[in-house]
Amino acid sequence: MADQDLEERIKRRAYLLWEQDGRPEGRASEYWLRAEAEVAERSAGAPPGTPGAGEHVCPDCGGTGRRGRGRCRTCGGTGRKVDVPQP
């Protein structure tokens, strides 16, 4: 059961990261690995928004996930912005 929960959290995070980047094709494994690392980091005890944890309140929507009447494009509606390491 715990393994299924972990896999589901990774899947949801990978999807959000993919959406934030504009839904590029052919990079599923990249998003899975990034999500896996983030979920592991969070499980290690760093709550979201902790300096150095790689996640921040979205500067464009102030963490609400909304801009005007629609979803914030910067964070994909999550209210959070994730630092993505560049290869």
C-alpha atoms as a PDB file:
ATOM      1  CA  MET A   1       0.000   0.000   0.000  1.00  0.00           C
ATOM      2  CA  ALA A   2       2.776   2.445   0.900  1.00  0.00           C
ATOM      3  CA  ASP A   3       4.531   1.698  -2.396  1.00  0.00           C
ATOM      4  CA  GLN A   4       1.346   2.501  -4.320  1.00  0.00           C
ATOM      5  CA  ASP A   5       0.949   5.760  -2.413  1.00  0.00           C
ATOM      6  CA  LEU A   6       4.563   6.705  -3.133  1.00  0.00           C
ATOM      7  CA  GLU A   7       4.194   5.895  -6.821  1.00  0.00           C
ATOM      8  CA  GLU A   8       0.984   7.933  -7.005  1.00  0.00           C
ATOM      9  CA  ARG A   9       2.686  10.964  -5.404  1.00  0.00           C
ATOM     10  CA  ILE A  10       5.559  10.681  -7.864  1.00  0.00           C
ATOM     11  CA  LYS A  11       3.132  10.358 -10.766  1.00  0.00           C
ATOM     12  CA  ARG A  12       1.160  13.453  -9.700  1.00  0.00           C
ATOM     13  CA  ARG A  13       4.330  15.507  -9.192  1.00  0.00           C
ATOM     14  CA  ALA A  14       5.790  14.431 -12.543  1.00  0.00           C
ATOM     15  CA  TYR A  15       2.558  15.460 -14.246  1.00  0.00           C
ATOM     16  CA  LEU A  16       2.603  18.905 -12.581  1.00  0.00           C
ATOM     17  CA  LEU A  17       6.232  19.454 -13.554  1.00  0.00           C
ATOM     18  CA  TRP A  18       5.435  18.411 -17.136  1.00  0.00           C
ATOM     19  CA  GLU A  19       2.499  20.844 -17.241  1.00  0.00           C
ATOM     20  CA  GLN A  20       4.635  23.684 -15.826  1.00  0.00           C
ATOM     21  CA  ASP A  21       7.132  23.169 -18.650  1.00  0.00           C
ATOM     22  CA  GLY A  22       4.470  23.372 -21.365  1.00  0.00           C
ATOM     23  CA  ARG A  23       3.835  19.634 -21.856  1.00  0.00           C
ATOM     24  CA  PRO A  24       6.886  18.792 -23.978  1.00  0.00           C
ATOM     25  CA  GLU A  25       6.890  15.412 -25.712  1.00  0.00           C
ATOM     26  CA  GLY A  26       9.399  12.620 -25.257  1.00  0.00           C
ATOM     27  CA  ARG A  27      10.717  13.583 -21.823  1.00  0.00           C
ATOM     28  CA  ALA A  28       8.629  11.359 -19.538  1.00  0.00           C
ATOM     29  CA  SER A  29      11.614   9.730 -17.839  1.00  0.00           C
ATOM     30  CA  GLU A  30      13.156  13.146 -17.094  1.00  0.00           C
ATOM     31  CA  TYR A  31       9.986  14.301 -15.334  1.00  0.00           C
ATOM     32  CA  TRP A  32       9.632  11.002 -13.487  1.00  0.00           C
ATOM     33  CA  LEU A  33      13.195  11.222 -12.156  1.00  0.00           C
ATOM     34  CA  ARG A  34      12.787  14.858 -11.114  1.00  0.00           C
ATOM     35  CA  ALA A  35       9.514  14.049  -9.346  1.00  0.00           C
ATOM     36  CA  GLU A  36      11.040  11.006  -7.671  1.00  0.00           C
ATOM     37  CA  ALA A  37      13.894  13.133  -6.302  1.00  0.00           C
ATOM     38  CA  GLU A  38      11.516  15.822  -5.043  1.00  0.00           C
ATOM     39  CA  VAL A  39       9.219  13.334  -3.340  1.00  0.00           C
ATOM     40  CA  ALA A  40      12.219  11.658  -1.681  1.00  0.00           C
ATOM     41  CA  GLU A  41      13.490  15.052  -0.506  1.00  0.00           C
ATOM     42  CA  ARG A  42      10.113  15.949   0.963  1.00  0.00           C
ATOM     43  CA  SER A  43       9.891  12.576   2.663  1.00  0.00           C
ATOM     44  CA  ALA A  44      13.242  13.303   4.284  1.00  0.00           C
ATOM     45  CA  GLY A  45      11.559  15.959   6.396  1.00  0.00           C
ATOM     46  CA  ALA A  46      11.846  19.230   4.454  1.00  0.00           C
ATOM     47  CA  PRO A  47       8.383  20.835   4.340  1.00  0.00           C
ATOM     48  CA  PRO A  48       7.425  22.668   1.111  1.00  0.00           C
ATOM     49  CA  GLY A  49       8.830  26.165   0.992  1.00  0.00           C
ATOM     50  CA  THR A  50      11.834  25.322   3.153  1.00  0.00           C
ATOM     51  CA  PRO A  51      14.897  27.182   1.875  1.00  0.00           C
ATOM     52  CA  GLY A  52      17.041  24.761  -0.067  1.00  0.00           C
ATOM     53  CA  ALA A  53      14.158  22.357  -0.618  1.00  0.00           C
ATOM     54  CA  GLY A  54      13.727  23.615  -4.181  1.00  0.00           C
ATOM     55  CA  GLU A  55      10.119  24.709  -3.839  1.00  0.00           C
ATOM     56  CA  HIS A  56       8.886  28.283  -3.410  1.00  0.00           C
ATOM     57  CA  VAL A  57       5.626  30.201  -3.411  1.00  0.00           C
ATOM     58  CA  CYS A  58       4.895  31.242  -6.997  1.00  0.00           C
ATOM     59  CA  PRO A  59       5.885  34.901  -7.411  1.00  0.00           C
ATOM     60  CA  ASP A  60       3.221  35.568 -10.053  1.00  0.00           C
ATOM     61  CA  CYS A  61       0.138  34.402  -8.160  1.00  0.00           C
ATOM     62  CA  GLY A  62       1.402  34.687  -4.582  1.00  0.00           C
ATOM     63  CA  GLY A  63       0.676  31.026  -3.930  1.00  0.00           C
ATOM     64  CA  THR A  64      -3.014  31.092  -4.877  1.00  0.00           C
ATOM     65  CA  GLY A  65      -2.584  29.243  -8.164  1.00  0.00           C
ATOM     66  CA  ARG A  66      -4.864  31.752  -9.886  1.00  0.00           C
ATOM     67  CA  ARG A  67      -4.285  34.827 -12.021  1.00  0.00           C
ATOM     68  CA  GLY A  68      -7.358  36.820 -12.779  1.00  0.00           C
ATOM     69  CA  ARG A  69     -10.105  34.370 -13.682  1.00  0.00           C
ATOM     70  CA  GLY A  70      -7.792  31.587 -14.777  1.00  0.00           C
ATOM     71  CA  ARG A  71      -5.080  29.296 -13.588  1.00  0.00           C
ATOM     72  CA  CYS A  72      -1.605  30.785 -13.159  1.00  0.00           C
ATOM     73  CA  ARG A  73       0.587  29.763 -16.088  1.00  0.00           C
ATOM     74  CA  THR A  74       3.806  30.126 -14.157  1.00  0.00           C
ATOM     75  CA  CYS A  75       2.991  27.462 -11.570  1.00  0.00           C
ATOM     76  CA  GLY A  76       0.299  25.548 -13.462  1.00  0.00           C
ATOM     77  CA  GLY A  77      -2.233  26.332 -10.745  1.00  0.00           C
ATOM     78  CA  THR A  78      -0.247  24.719  -7.926  1.00  0.00           C
ATOM     79  CA  GLY A  79       0.736  27.974  -6.219  1.00  0.00           C
ATOM     80  CA  ARG A  80       4.286  26.640  -5.971  1.00  0.00           C
ATOM     81  CA  LYS A  81       7.322  27.118  -8.169  1.00  0.00           C
ATOM     82  CA  VAL A  82       9.947  24.396  -8.204  1.00  0.00           C
ATOM     83  CA  ASP A  83      13.604  25.066  -8.901  1.00  0.00           C
ATOM     84  CA  VAL A  84      14.603  22.790 -11.741  1.00  0.00           C
ATOM     85  CA  PRO A  85      18.267  21.922 -12.090  1.00  0.00           C
ATOM     86  CA  GLN A  86      19.518  22.622 -15.592  1.00  0.00           C
ATOM     87  CA  PRO A  87      21.485  19.810 -17.262  1.00  0.00           C
END
